[in-house]
Amino acid sequence: MIFSLANVSKYRAQGTGYSLAIRRLRIARGEQIALTGVSGSGKSTALDILGMVLMPDEARGFLFAPGEKAFDIAAFWRKKSLDAMAGIRLRHIGYVLQTGGLLPYLTVAENLGLTARMRGGDKNSAAASAASVAESLGIARLLNSYPSTLSVGERQRVAIGRALAPQPDVVLADEPTAALDPIHAENVMSLFAALVKEMRATLIMVSHDLSLVREAGLRIVEISVTSAEDGAVLATIDDSGHAPCATLQS
C-alpha cells in the first residue's frame, strides 16, 4: 500500500457545520482512483489531506509508503513536523490544480522544470524530462511561450506536464478537466491516465464526471453524504469492502 488511512477526520464550524470522516482508505502503489461525490461533499478537502497540505483534526492511522520506507504522517501532524512533510511532498508528489496554477512570469519550459529545480536536480536531465513530457502531451511547440498566450486546454496540459515531469510516485489532481469542453476533456483524461500508468505512478483524482473516470478505467471511491438533525453535513469515505489491488513492483 502506498496510502493507508484509518479514522482520519476534518471538521469545520462554518455555516451549519461540516465533517469529513475517512474511516478507511487503502490505495495500492500504481493504482488509479477517482474521488467522487456531490458538490460540497469534501472531495478537494480529502485530496488536500492526502497531499499533506491540510491538517486533519484527528488521525488515528495515516501511513504513506512511496518506497520501502513508510512515513507515519499522523505522527508528523501531531508533532507539527511541517518541514518534513514539505520535503516528502517535494520528493514524491505531483499536484495538478483545477485552475492550472502556472506561474505567469515563467515560460512553459520553466514551469515544467520548476519542481525539478526546487529539488536541486541536474539541470540537463530536468530539461530532458520536461521536453519528453511536453512531447507526449502535444505541447512541445509551446515550450518558449508564456501562460497568458495559451488556451485553457493548453494551460491545463502544461499543468499536468508540470506534475508529471519530475516523475513523482503520486499524482494528485483536482478536477483537471473541469474547464475543458467534453471532447477535449475526454482526450486529456485519457492521455493523462495513460502517461501516469506508463510512469507506474499512483493517481488520485477528484472528479464529478463519473462517465469520464469510468471510461479512463479509474477505481471510483465515492464520498457519501448525510445530514445531521441540526443540518450539519456529514461526509464519509470508507472502502472497507474493497479488496486492495496488487502492488506494482518497480
Protein backbone atom coordinates (compact mmCIF):
# COMPACT_ATOMS: atom_id res chain seq x y z
CA MET A 1 0.00 0.00 0.00
CA ILE A 2 1.19 3.50 -0.78
CA PHE A 3 -1.59 5.09 1.31
CA SER A 4 -3.26 3.58 4.35
CA LEU A 5 -5.65 5.79 6.31
CA ALA A 6 -7.90 4.88 9.23
CA ASN A 7 -10.15 7.20 11.22
CA VAL A 8 -8.88 10.47 9.78
CA SER A 9 -11.30 13.37 10.32
CA LYS A 10 -11.66 17.04 9.50
CA TYR A 11 -14.25 19.41 11.00
CA ARG A 12 -15.44 22.86 10.02
CA ALA A 13 -17.77 25.01 12.07
CA GLN A 14 -18.76 27.45 9.31
CA GLY A 15 -22.44 27.61 8.42
CA THR A 16 -24.38 24.64 9.74
CA GLY A 17 -21.15 22.68 10.17
CA TYR A 18 -19.29 20.07 8.16
CA SER A 19 -17.27 16.96 8.97
CA LEU A 20 -15.32 14.57 6.77
CA ALA A 21 -14.54 11.16 8.21
CA ILE A 22 -12.13 8.89 6.34
CA ARG A 23 -13.00 5.64 8.10
CA ARG A 24 -10.72 3.53 5.94
CA LEU A 25 -8.90 4.20 2.69
CA ARG A 26 -6.19 1.98 1.26
CA ILE A 27 -4.57 2.73 -2.09
CA ALA A 28 -2.13 0.35 -3.75
CA ARG A 29 1.05 1.54 -5.39
CA GLY A 30 0.33 2.23 -9.07
CA GLU A 31 -3.45 2.31 -8.59
CA GLN A 32 -5.61 4.96 -10.24
CA ILE A 33 -8.63 6.16 -8.29
CA ALA A 34 -11.21 8.93 -8.56
CA LEU A 35 -12.74 10.60 -5.51
CA THR A 36 -16.34 11.41 -6.42
CA GLY A 37 -19.35 12.88 -4.65
CA VAL A 38 -21.88 15.67 -4.76
CA SER A 39 -20.81 19.30 -4.69
CA GLY A 40 -19.70 20.25 -1.19
CA SER A 41 -19.00 16.66 -0.13
CA GLY A 42 -15.34 17.39 0.56
CA LYS A 43 -13.56 15.90 -2.44
CA SER A 44 -10.90 18.62 -2.52
CA THR A 45 -10.62 18.50 1.28
CA ALA A 46 -9.85 14.78 1.11
CA LEU A 47 -7.30 15.38 -1.65
CA ASP A 48 -5.56 18.08 0.39
CA ILE A 49 -5.38 15.73 3.39
CA LEU A 50 -3.81 13.04 1.21
CA GLY A 51 -1.39 15.65 -0.13
CA MET A 52 -0.38 16.60 3.42
CA VAL A 53 -1.28 20.26 2.92
CA LEU A 54 -4.40 20.24 5.14
CA MET A 55 -4.08 19.15 8.75
CA PRO A 56 -6.78 16.72 9.93
CA ASP A 57 -8.32 17.25 13.34
CA GLU A 58 -7.95 13.55 14.11
CA ALA A 59 -5.73 10.89 12.55
CA ARG A 60 -5.54 7.51 14.20
CA GLY A 61 -3.67 5.99 11.27
CA PHE A 62 -2.08 7.68 8.23
CA LEU A 63 0.80 5.88 6.55
CA PHE A 64 2.45 6.93 3.28
CA ALA A 65 4.85 4.42 1.71
CA PRO A 66 6.21 5.61 -1.67
CA GLY A 67 9.09 3.12 -1.39
CA GLU A 68 10.39 0.59 1.08
CA LYS A 69 10.16 3.14 3.90
CA ALA A 70 6.74 4.07 5.30
CA PHE A 71 6.19 7.55 6.74
CA ASP A 72 3.87 7.94 9.73
CA ILE A 73 2.05 11.08 8.60
CA ALA A 74 -0.28 11.01 11.62
CA ALA A 75 2.79 11.32 13.86
CA PHE A 76 4.17 14.15 11.72
CA TRP A 77 0.90 16.07 12.13
CA ARG A 78 0.88 15.52 15.89
CA LYS A 79 4.46 16.82 16.12
CA LYS A 80 3.73 19.71 13.68
CA SER A 81 6.62 18.45 11.50
CA LEU A 82 5.67 20.70 8.60
CA ASP A 83 9.16 20.82 7.07
CA ALA A 84 9.34 17.02 6.98
CA MET A 85 6.01 16.80 5.16
CA ALA A 86 7.02 19.57 2.74
CA GLY A 87 10.11 17.53 1.87
CA ILE A 88 8.01 14.40 1.31
CA ARG A 89 5.65 16.31 -0.99
CA LEU A 90 8.53 17.76 -2.98
CA ARG A 91 10.21 14.37 -3.47
CA HIS A 92 7.21 12.15 -4.02
CA ILE A 93 4.04 14.05 -5.01
CA GLY A 94 2.93 15.96 -8.09
CA TYR A 95 -0.19 18.16 -7.86
CA VAL A 96 -2.47 19.27 -10.70
CA LEU A 97 -4.67 22.18 -9.62
CA GLN A 98 -8.12 22.76 -11.14
CA THR A 99 -7.07 26.25 -12.26
CA GLY A 100 -3.66 25.14 -13.55
CA GLY A 101 -1.69 27.23 -11.07
CA LEU A 102 1.04 28.11 -13.59
CA LEU A 103 3.47 30.92 -12.77
CA PRO A 104 2.74 33.65 -15.35
CA TYR A 105 6.28 35.04 -15.44
CA LEU A 106 7.81 31.66 -16.39
CA THR A 107 7.74 30.06 -19.83
CA VAL A 108 6.12 26.68 -20.39
CA ALA A 109 9.57 25.04 -20.26
CA GLU A 110 10.39 26.83 -16.99
CA ASN A 111 7.03 25.88 -15.46
CA LEU A 112 7.57 22.24 -16.47
CA GLY A 113 11.01 22.18 -14.88
CA LEU A 114 10.05 24.08 -11.72
CA THR A 115 9.77 21.11 -9.33
CA ALA A 116 12.99 19.54 -10.59
CA ARG A 117 14.83 22.82 -9.98
CA MET A 118 13.35 23.04 -6.49
CA ARG A 119 14.64 19.51 -5.81
CA GLY A 120 18.09 20.62 -6.81
CA GLY A 121 18.34 18.04 -9.58
CA ASP A 122 20.61 18.09 -12.60
CA LYS A 123 19.54 20.92 -14.93
CA ASN A 124 20.09 18.98 -18.16
CA SER A 125 18.22 15.87 -17.05
CA ALA A 126 15.37 18.03 -15.74
CA ALA A 127 15.13 19.82 -19.09
CA ALA A 128 15.16 16.50 -20.95
CA SER A 129 12.36 15.12 -18.75
CA ALA A 130 10.29 18.27 -19.25
CA ALA A 131 10.79 18.11 -23.02
CA SER A 132 9.78 14.44 -23.09
CA VAL A 133 6.57 15.08 -21.15
CA ALA A 134 5.79 18.10 -23.34
CA GLU A 135 6.16 15.93 -26.44
CA SER A 136 3.83 13.28 -25.00
CA LEU A 137 1.21 15.92 -24.14
CA GLY A 138 1.45 17.61 -27.55
CA ILE A 139 2.74 20.93 -26.17
CA ALA A 140 6.37 20.80 -27.27
CA ARG A 141 5.76 23.70 -29.67
CA LEU A 142 4.75 25.85 -26.69
CA LEU A 143 7.92 25.46 -24.60
CA ASN A 144 9.02 29.08 -25.11
CA SER A 145 5.52 30.54 -24.65
CA TYR A 146 4.08 32.17 -21.54
CA PRO A 147 0.84 31.01 -19.88
CA SER A 148 -1.06 34.19 -20.84
CA THR A 149 -0.70 33.28 -24.54
CA LEU A 150 -2.15 29.77 -24.14
CA SER A 151 -5.69 28.47 -24.45
CA VAL A 152 -7.43 26.96 -21.41
CA GLY A 153 -6.77 23.46 -22.72
CA GLU A 154 -3.11 24.19 -23.37
CA ARG A 155 -2.63 25.65 -19.89
CA GLN A 156 -4.18 22.56 -18.34
CA ARG A 157 -1.86 20.27 -20.34
CA VAL A 158 1.10 22.31 -19.08
CA ALA A 159 -0.19 21.95 -15.51
CA ILE A 160 -0.41 18.19 -15.98
CA GLY A 161 3.07 18.16 -17.50
CA ARG A 162 4.49 20.13 -14.58
CA ALA A 163 3.16 17.49 -12.17
CA LEU A 164 4.48 14.60 -14.27
CA ALA A 165 7.88 15.94 -15.36
CA PRO A 166 9.69 15.12 -12.07
CA GLN A 167 8.30 11.55 -12.30
CA PRO A 168 6.63 11.58 -8.86
CA ASP A 169 5.42 8.47 -7.06
CA VAL A 170 1.95 10.00 -6.61
CA VAL A 171 -0.03 12.40 -8.78
CA LEU A 172 -2.92 14.28 -7.16
CA ALA A 173 -5.33 16.06 -9.49
CA ASP A 174 -8.24 18.32 -8.54
CA GLU A 175 -10.82 18.30 -11.36
CA PRO A 176 -8.08 18.53 -14.03
CA THR A 177 -10.55 18.61 -16.94
CA ALA A 178 -13.33 20.72 -15.39
CA ALA A 179 -12.53 23.79 -17.51
CA LEU A 180 -12.46 21.84 -20.79
CA ASP A 181 -15.25 21.05 -23.23
CA PRO A 182 -16.38 17.37 -23.30
CA ILE A 183 -14.28 16.36 -26.31
CA HIS A 184 -11.06 17.93 -25.03
CA ALA A 185 -11.80 16.68 -21.51
CA GLU A 186 -12.04 13.08 -22.73
CA ASN A 187 -8.83 13.37 -24.75
CA VAL A 188 -6.86 14.99 -21.92
CA MET A 189 -8.18 12.50 -19.34
CA SER A 190 -7.26 9.51 -21.50
CA LEU A 191 -3.78 10.86 -22.20
CA PHE A 192 -3.25 11.85 -18.55
CA ALA A 193 -4.21 8.41 -17.20
CA ALA A 194 -2.05 6.67 -19.83
CA LEU A 195 1.03 8.77 -19.01
CA VAL A 196 0.65 8.19 -15.26
CA LYS A 197 0.29 4.45 -15.87
CA GLU A 198 3.39 4.44 -18.09
CA MET A 199 5.32 6.11 -15.27
CA ARG A 200 3.98 3.48 -12.83
CA ALA A 201 2.83 6.29 -10.56
CA THR A 202 -0.26 6.33 -8.36
CA LEU A 203 -3.08 8.64 -9.49
CA ILE A 204 -5.69 10.12 -7.15
CA MET A 205 -8.11 12.41 -8.90
CA VAL A 206 -11.10 14.45 -7.81
CA SER A 207 -13.87 14.40 -10.40
CA HIS A 208 -17.61 14.99 -10.68
CA ASP A 209 -17.78 13.27 -14.10
CA LEU A 210 -18.43 9.58 -13.43
CA SER A 211 -18.63 8.63 -17.11
CA LEU A 212 -15.25 10.23 -17.81
CA VAL A 213 -13.41 8.46 -15.00
CA ARG A 214 -15.11 5.14 -15.76
CA GLU A 215 -14.03 5.47 -19.39
CA ALA A 216 -10.46 6.09 -18.21
CA GLY A 217 -10.62 2.95 -16.04
CA LEU A 218 -10.19 4.60 -12.64
CA ARG A 219 -11.46 2.96 -9.46
CA ILE A 220 -14.22 5.10 -8.01
CA VAL A 221 -14.18 5.98 -4.31
CA GLU A 222 -17.41 7.75 -3.50
CA ILE A 223 -17.83 10.20 -0.64
CA SER A 224 -21.22 9.52 0.93
CA VAL A 225 -23.07 12.46 2.47
CA THR A 226 -25.79 12.62 5.11
CA SER A 227 -27.25 15.41 7.21
CA ALA A 228 -27.43 15.56 10.99
CA GLU A 229 -30.54 16.76 12.78
CA ASP A 230 -29.00 20.22 13.20
CA GLY A 231 -28.31 20.44 9.45
CA ALA A 232 -24.59 19.71 9.66
CA VAL A 233 -23.11 17.90 6.66
CA LEU A 234 -21.56 14.53 7.47
CA ALA A 235 -19.27 13.18 4.70
CA THR A 236 -17.71 9.74 4.87
CA ILE A 237 -15.10 7.76 2.92
CA ASP A 238 -14.98 4.05 3.67
CA ASP A 239 -13.56 1.47 1.25
CA SER A 240 -13.67 -1.41 3.75
CA GLY A 241 -15.44 -3.58 1.18
CA HIS A 242 -12.72 -3.08 -1.44
CA ALA A 243 -10.08 -5.74 -1.93
CA PRO A 244 -6.75 -3.92 -2.48
CA CYS A 245 -5.15 -4.28 -5.88
CA ALA A 246 -1.80 -5.99 -6.20
CA THR A 247 1.07 -3.59 -5.60
CA LEU A 248 3.09 -2.75 -8.71
CA GLN A 249 6.71 -3.77 -8.48
CA SER A 250 9.44 -1.46 -9.64
